Amino acid sequence: MATKAKASSSSCLSFLKDALLLPTRNAKLFVPVLLLLAVPGFLIQATNVLFVHPLTQDILRRINEIKNMDPSSADYAELVAEVLKEAKQLAAIAIAIMIVTFVLGFARQILAFFAASTTYSGDRYSLPELFSKVIMQGRRLMGPLVTTATVSVLEIACAALLAALLQLAMRHSAGALYTAVLLVLPFLAFLYLNVVFIVAVAVSVADPERRGVGALRQAWRLMTRVWRKEGCVLVVVVHLVAMVPSPLYAVALGCSNKSVPMALALLSVYALLSGLVQIFYFAAATVYYYQAMESKEEVAHGDYVSIPTTEATV
């Protein structure tokens, strides 16, 4: 019994080992993919640390000064004008970062999924070959594009629902059970759905026939019916691994006031580590999809073989 439990636990984790080893099968592809994940991430985070964070602190400092000033004074009007000017600059930078992050996030995600999918299938493309022979071939890009757009809409809807539930929980101070049902359980469901969304994009990359709702339905079936234990493992691992680089960013943010070079050095390490983390969970979602499909086919074949015939009964 203990041996069976150990074997079951090992099978639940085996796809993670395959995901870790997957990039080593085609280093000439995954090294530039890692750089494409890390470099834009470094530039975005450096912008946050060098511009957004100081500007935000300066606005907050000026607002505190305004509270102690006479509203009828000329200094008050001048300070308010400076705050409004800096707020406009901050809003412009934030909007630009949001747009760039969304566009680059989509491009990097699709590139990483295609790299993982083709490598797992046995192909050994370089980055230019992957782009010209696979991504731009036929209508291969349409499926991931539709699925990502669908996922983005659902993520916004889920975030809005969580925000509404949070406001409801804050207005009604009730017991811990009520708060758990109202907020904690939906939040855990949202974490689970986030991984379903990642697997859905992997589905649309691996199977050109499935896109949008069809890819989401297939990912949901795999994670709730075919490979449930492995799906739960994937959810836990993805969210735990995603948290690994976070303390480094917090340290870099704290160092930015004292030493900008040190902050940039820490941010470069953070960006590299974040790139490795992203490659891992994109690869994990891809390997999960392929192995779950293989498991589904094996179960279906086994069920067919096990059906007794009338002749055998006679």
Protein backbone atom coordinates (compact mmCIF):
# COMPACT_ATOMS: atom_id res chain seq x y z
CA MET A 1 0.00 0.00 0.00
CA ALA A 2 2.83 2.42 0.86
CA THR A 3 4.60 1.53 -2.39
CA LYS A 4 1.43 2.27 -4.37
CA ALA A 5 0.98 5.63 -2.62
CA LYS A 6 4.62 6.50 -3.30
CA ALA A 7 4.26 5.54 -6.97
CA SER A 8 1.09 7.64 -7.26
CA SER A 9 2.83 10.63 -5.69
CA SER A 10 5.78 10.17 -8.04
CA SER A 11 3.48 10.08 -11.08
CA CYS A 12 1.83 13.30 -9.93
CA LEU A 13 5.19 15.06 -9.93
CA SER A 14 6.85 13.39 -12.93
CA PHE A 15 5.52 15.93 -15.44
CA LEU A 16 7.19 18.72 -13.42
CA LYS A 17 10.54 16.97 -13.83
CA ASP A 18 9.91 16.75 -17.58
CA ALA A 19 9.05 20.46 -17.62
CA LEU A 20 12.31 21.32 -15.84
CA LEU A 21 14.34 19.28 -18.35
CA LEU A 22 12.43 20.46 -21.42
CA PRO A 23 14.49 23.65 -22.06
CA THR A 24 17.73 21.63 -21.93
CA ARG A 25 16.60 19.66 -24.99
CA ASN A 26 16.92 22.74 -27.19
CA ALA A 27 19.19 25.31 -25.58
CA LYS A 28 19.70 27.21 -28.85
CA LEU A 29 16.00 28.11 -28.75
CA PHE A 30 15.36 28.59 -25.04
CA VAL A 31 18.38 30.83 -24.36
CA PRO A 32 17.13 33.60 -26.69
CA VAL A 33 13.57 33.00 -25.44
CA LEU A 34 14.86 33.56 -21.91
CA LEU A 35 16.50 36.80 -22.98
CA LEU A 36 13.28 37.94 -24.67
CA LEU A 37 11.46 37.27 -21.42
CA ALA A 38 14.06 38.85 -19.14
CA VAL A 39 15.22 41.99 -21.00
CA PRO A 40 11.79 43.64 -21.48
CA GLY A 41 10.91 42.68 -17.92
CA PHE A 42 14.06 44.38 -16.68
CA LEU A 43 13.29 47.56 -18.65
CA ILE A 44 9.72 47.71 -17.34
CA GLN A 45 10.74 47.14 -13.72
CA ALA A 46 13.62 49.60 -14.04
CA THR A 47 11.12 52.20 -15.24
CA ASN A 48 8.97 51.46 -12.20
CA VAL A 49 11.90 51.80 -9.80
CA LEU A 50 13.61 54.80 -11.40
CA PHE A 51 10.57 56.86 -12.42
CA VAL A 52 7.21 55.60 -11.15
CA HIS A 53 8.23 54.93 -7.54
CA PRO A 54 10.08 58.29 -6.99
CA LEU A 55 7.30 60.21 -8.71
CA THR A 56 4.68 58.53 -6.54
CA GLN A 57 6.65 59.31 -3.39
CA ASP A 58 7.06 62.94 -4.45
CA ILE A 59 3.31 63.30 -5.07
CA LEU A 60 2.50 61.82 -1.66
CA ARG A 61 5.03 64.14 0.01
CA ARG A 62 3.50 67.19 -1.67
CA ILE A 63 -0.01 66.11 -0.70
CA ASN A 64 1.07 65.92 2.93
CA GLU A 65 2.50 69.43 2.64
CA ILE A 66 -0.75 70.70 1.14
CA LYS A 67 -2.74 69.48 4.14
CA ASN A 68 -0.89 71.93 6.40
CA MET A 69 -1.12 74.95 4.09
CA ASP A 70 -3.62 77.78 3.79
CA PRO A 71 -5.85 77.11 0.73
CA SER A 72 -5.99 80.84 -0.03
CA SER A 73 -2.20 81.24 -0.26
CA ALA A 74 -0.24 81.46 -3.51
CA ASP A 75 2.08 78.64 -2.39
CA TYR A 76 -0.92 76.37 -1.99
CA ALA A 77 -2.09 76.98 -5.57
CA GLU A 78 1.45 76.52 -6.89
CA LEU A 79 1.88 73.24 -5.02
CA VAL A 80 -1.48 71.93 -6.23
CA ALA A 81 -0.49 72.75 -9.81
CA GLU A 82 2.79 70.85 -9.37
CA VAL A 83 0.92 67.85 -7.95
CA LEU A 84 -1.49 67.84 -10.88
CA LYS A 85 1.40 68.07 -13.32
CA GLU A 86 3.23 65.16 -11.71
CA ALA A 87 -0.01 63.15 -11.51
CA LYS A 88 -0.48 63.57 -15.28
CA GLN A 89 3.10 62.42 -15.86
CA LEU A 90 2.55 59.42 -13.60
CA ALA A 91 -0.69 58.52 -15.37
CA ALA A 92 0.98 58.76 -18.80
CA ILE A 93 3.87 56.53 -17.70
CA ALA A 94 1.48 54.04 -16.07
CA ILE A 95 -0.70 53.81 -19.21
CA ALA A 96 2.36 53.37 -21.43
CA ILE A 97 3.72 50.63 -19.15
CA MET A 98 0.33 48.90 -19.09
CA ILE A 99 0.07 48.86 -22.90
CA VAL A 100 3.66 47.72 -23.39
CA THR A 101 3.28 45.06 -20.71
CA PHE A 102 0.11 43.70 -22.31
CA VAL A 103 1.56 43.56 -25.83
CA LEU A 104 4.93 42.16 -24.77
CA GLY A 105 3.26 39.76 -22.34
CA PHE A 106 1.16 38.28 -25.13
CA ALA A 107 4.12 38.03 -27.52
CA ARG A 108 6.44 36.45 -24.94
CA GLN A 109 3.77 34.02 -23.76
CA ILE A 110 2.97 32.79 -27.27
CA LEU A 111 6.67 32.50 -28.13
CA ALA A 112 7.41 30.50 -24.98
CA PHE A 113 4.43 28.18 -25.54
CA PHE A 114 5.40 27.50 -29.15
CA ALA A 115 8.99 26.83 -28.04
CA ALA A 116 7.80 24.38 -25.36
CA SER A 117 5.28 22.69 -27.66
CA THR A 118 7.61 22.13 -30.59
CA THR A 119 10.46 20.98 -28.36
CA TYR A 120 8.25 18.48 -26.53
CA SER A 121 7.04 17.19 -29.92
CA GLY A 122 10.64 16.46 -30.91
CA ASP A 123 11.45 19.41 -33.19
CA ARG A 124 14.65 21.38 -32.66
CA TYR A 125 14.07 24.82 -34.14
CA SER A 126 16.17 27.91 -33.69
CA LEU A 127 14.34 31.13 -32.81
CA PRO A 128 14.18 32.44 -36.44
CA GLU A 129 13.06 29.01 -37.64
CA LEU A 130 10.37 28.82 -34.96
CA PHE A 131 9.03 32.20 -35.99
CA SER A 132 9.09 31.63 -39.76
CA LYS A 133 8.25 27.92 -40.01
CA VAL A 134 5.78 27.48 -37.15
CA ILE A 135 4.31 30.66 -35.68
CA MET A 136 3.75 32.44 -39.01
CA GLN A 137 2.88 29.25 -40.90
CA GLY A 138 -0.77 29.06 -41.97
CA ARG A 139 -3.10 30.33 -39.24
CA ARG A 140 -1.23 28.93 -36.24
CA LEU A 141 -1.17 32.32 -34.52
CA MET A 142 -4.94 32.83 -34.72
CA GLY A 143 -5.81 30.16 -32.15
CA PRO A 144 -3.56 31.47 -29.35
CA LEU A 145 -4.62 35.04 -30.18
CA VAL A 146 -8.34 34.23 -29.80
CA THR A 147 -7.70 32.16 -26.66
CA THR A 148 -5.58 34.87 -25.04
CA ALA A 149 -8.22 37.51 -25.80
CA THR A 150 -10.92 35.29 -24.28
CA VAL A 151 -8.75 34.59 -21.24
CA SER A 152 -8.05 38.32 -20.76
CA VAL A 153 -11.80 39.11 -20.71
CA LEU A 154 -12.42 36.33 -18.18
CA GLU A 155 -9.52 37.49 -15.99
CA ILE A 156 -10.90 41.04 -15.91
CA ALA A 157 -14.36 39.69 -15.04
CA CYS A 158 -12.94 37.51 -12.24
CA ALA A 159 -10.90 40.42 -10.86
CA ALA A 160 -13.99 42.65 -10.88
CA LEU A 161 -15.98 39.95 -9.08
CA LEU A 162 -13.27 39.58 -6.43
CA ALA A 163 -13.17 43.36 -5.94
CA ALA A 164 -16.96 43.43 -5.49
CA LEU A 165 -16.80 40.58 -2.97
CA LEU A 166 -14.01 42.36 -1.09
CA GLN A 167 -16.11 45.51 -0.80
CA LEU A 168 -19.06 43.43 0.37
CA ALA A 169 -16.93 41.70 3.01
CA MET A 170 -15.59 45.05 4.27
CA ARG A 171 -19.08 46.53 4.58
CA HIS A 172 -20.49 43.59 6.51
CA SER A 173 -18.33 42.65 9.48
CA ALA A 174 -19.34 39.03 10.12
CA GLY A 175 -17.75 35.84 11.36
CA ALA A 176 -14.73 34.09 9.92
CA LEU A 177 -16.88 31.46 8.20
CA TYR A 178 -18.88 34.12 6.36
CA THR A 179 -15.68 35.88 5.27
CA ALA A 180 -14.16 32.60 4.09
CA VAL A 181 -17.22 31.71 2.03
CA LEU A 182 -17.52 35.23 0.63
CA LEU A 183 -13.88 35.99 -0.12
CA VAL A 184 -11.37 33.20 0.52
CA LEU A 185 -13.11 30.45 -1.44
CA PRO A 186 -13.70 32.64 -4.54
CA PHE A 187 -10.05 33.75 -4.34
CA LEU A 188 -8.87 30.12 -4.30
CA ALA A 189 -11.18 29.40 -7.23
CA PHE A 190 -9.65 32.36 -9.06
CA LEU A 191 -6.15 30.94 -8.50
CA TYR A 192 -7.29 27.62 -9.91
CA LEU A 193 -8.90 29.30 -12.92
CA ASN A 194 -5.71 31.24 -13.60
CA VAL A 195 -3.89 27.96 -14.21
CA VAL A 196 -6.79 26.64 -16.30
CA PHE A 197 -6.35 29.76 -18.45
CA ILE A 198 -2.62 29.03 -18.86
CA VAL A 199 -3.33 25.43 -19.88
CA ALA A 200 -5.99 26.70 -22.33
CA VAL A 201 -3.36 28.77 -24.16
CA ALA A 202 -1.11 25.69 -24.26
CA VAL A 203 -4.05 23.76 -25.76
CA SER A 204 -4.57 26.35 -28.52
CA VAL A 205 -0.85 26.28 -29.38
CA ALA A 206 -0.61 22.49 -29.49
CA ASP A 207 -3.98 21.91 -31.21
CA PRO A 208 -4.81 24.42 -33.99
CA GLU A 209 -8.40 23.15 -34.06
CA ARG A 210 -9.13 24.39 -30.53
CA ARG A 211 -9.28 28.06 -29.71
CA GLY A 212 -11.13 30.43 -27.40
CA VAL A 213 -13.98 28.72 -25.55
CA GLY A 214 -13.08 25.35 -27.09
CA ALA A 215 -9.54 25.53 -25.67
CA LEU A 216 -10.87 26.61 -22.28
CA ARG A 217 -13.36 23.73 -22.26
CA GLN A 218 -10.62 21.23 -23.09
CA ALA A 219 -8.31 22.61 -20.38
CA TRP A 220 -11.16 22.46 -17.85
CA ARG A 221 -11.91 18.82 -18.74
CA LEU A 222 -8.29 17.80 -18.39
CA MET A 223 -7.83 19.51 -15.02
CA THR A 224 -11.15 18.40 -13.48
CA ARG A 225 -11.67 14.93 -14.99
CA VAL A 226 -8.62 13.41 -16.64
CA TRP A 227 -5.62 14.53 -14.55
CA ARG A 228 -7.16 16.03 -11.44
CA LYS A 229 -4.34 15.31 -8.98
CA GLU A 230 -1.71 16.52 -11.40
CA GLY A 231 -3.86 19.58 -12.14
CA CYS A 232 -3.96 20.48 -8.44
CA VAL A 233 -0.18 20.00 -8.25
CA LEU A 234 0.22 22.31 -11.24
CA VAL A 235 -1.94 25.00 -9.58
CA VAL A 236 0.07 24.90 -6.35
CA VAL A 237 3.47 24.80 -8.06
CA VAL A 238 2.71 27.61 -10.54
CA HIS A 239 1.61 30.02 -7.81
CA LEU A 240 4.40 29.08 -5.40
CA VAL A 241 7.11 29.36 -8.04
CA ALA A 242 5.70 32.69 -9.26
CA MET A 243 6.27 34.10 -5.76
CA VAL A 244 9.99 33.21 -5.67
CA PRO A 245 11.38 36.39 -7.35
CA SER A 246 9.09 38.78 -5.43
CA PRO A 247 11.34 39.39 -2.37
CA LEU A 248 14.20 40.35 -4.68
CA TYR A 249 12.08 43.05 -6.30
CA ALA A 250 11.11 44.39 -2.87
CA VAL A 251 14.81 44.59 -1.92
CA ALA A 252 15.63 46.37 -5.19
CA LEU A 253 12.84 48.85 -4.54
CA GLY A 254 14.23 49.54 -1.06
CA CYS A 255 17.76 50.02 -2.42
CA SER A 256 16.65 52.49 -5.09
CA ASN A 257 16.71 55.40 -2.60
CA LYS A 258 20.26 54.61 -1.48
CA SER A 259 22.08 53.17 -4.48
CA VAL A 260 20.65 53.18 -8.01
CA PRO A 261 23.41 50.90 -9.44
CA MET A 262 22.73 48.35 -6.71
CA ALA A 263 19.00 48.54 -7.41
CA LEU A 264 19.59 48.00 -11.15
CA ALA A 265 21.88 45.04 -10.44
CA LEU A 266 19.22 43.46 -8.25
CA LEU A 267 16.58 44.16 -10.88
CA SER A 268 18.67 42.41 -13.54
CA VAL A 269 18.87 39.31 -11.33
CA TYR A 270 15.15 39.62 -10.62
CA ALA A 271 14.34 39.85 -14.34
CA LEU A 272 16.50 36.81 -15.14
CA LEU A 273 14.93 34.79 -12.34
CA SER A 274 11.44 35.87 -13.44
CA GLY A 275 12.23 34.76 -16.98
CA LEU A 276 13.32 31.34 -15.74
CA VAL A 277 10.15 31.05 -13.65
CA GLN A 278 7.97 31.95 -16.64
CA ILE A 279 9.71 29.42 -18.87
CA PHE A 280 9.18 26.77 -16.21
CA TYR A 281 5.45 27.25 -15.77
CA PHE A 282 4.83 27.66 -19.51
CA ALA A 283 6.73 24.41 -20.02
CA ALA A 284 4.85 22.79 -17.11
CA ALA A 285 1.47 23.73 -18.62
CA THR A 286 2.56 22.40 -22.02
CA VAL A 287 3.91 19.11 -20.65
CA TYR A 288 0.80 18.77 -18.50
CA TYR A 289 -1.42 19.12 -21.58
CA TYR A 290 0.47 16.56 -23.67
CA GLN A 291 0.75 13.98 -20.91
CA ALA A 292 -2.87 14.49 -19.82
CA MET A 293 -3.97 13.87 -23.41
CA GLU A 294 -1.81 10.73 -23.53
CA SER A 295 -3.38 9.57 -20.27
CA LYS A 296 -6.85 10.28 -21.65
CA GLU A 297 -6.14 8.18 -24.74
CA GLU A 298 -4.74 5.33 -22.64
CA VAL A 299 -7.81 5.32 -20.39
CA ALA A 300 -10.15 5.37 -23.38
CA HIS A 301 -8.24 2.50 -25.02
CA GLY A 302 -8.20 0.51 -21.79
CA ASP A 303 -11.96 0.95 -21.35
CA TYR A 304 -12.53 -0.29 -24.89
CA VAL A 305 -10.39 -3.39 -24.45
CA SER A 306 -11.99 -4.32 -21.13
CA ILE A 307 -15.53 -4.56 -22.55
CA PRO A 308 -16.44 -8.28 -22.68
CA THR A 309 -17.97 -9.65 -25.87
CA THR A 310 -20.97 -11.94 -26.22
CA GLU A 311 -18.84 -14.73 -27.69
CA ALA A 312 -16.56 -14.68 -24.68
CA THR A 313 -19.59 -15.07 -22.39
CA VAL A 314 -20.86 -17.99 -24.38
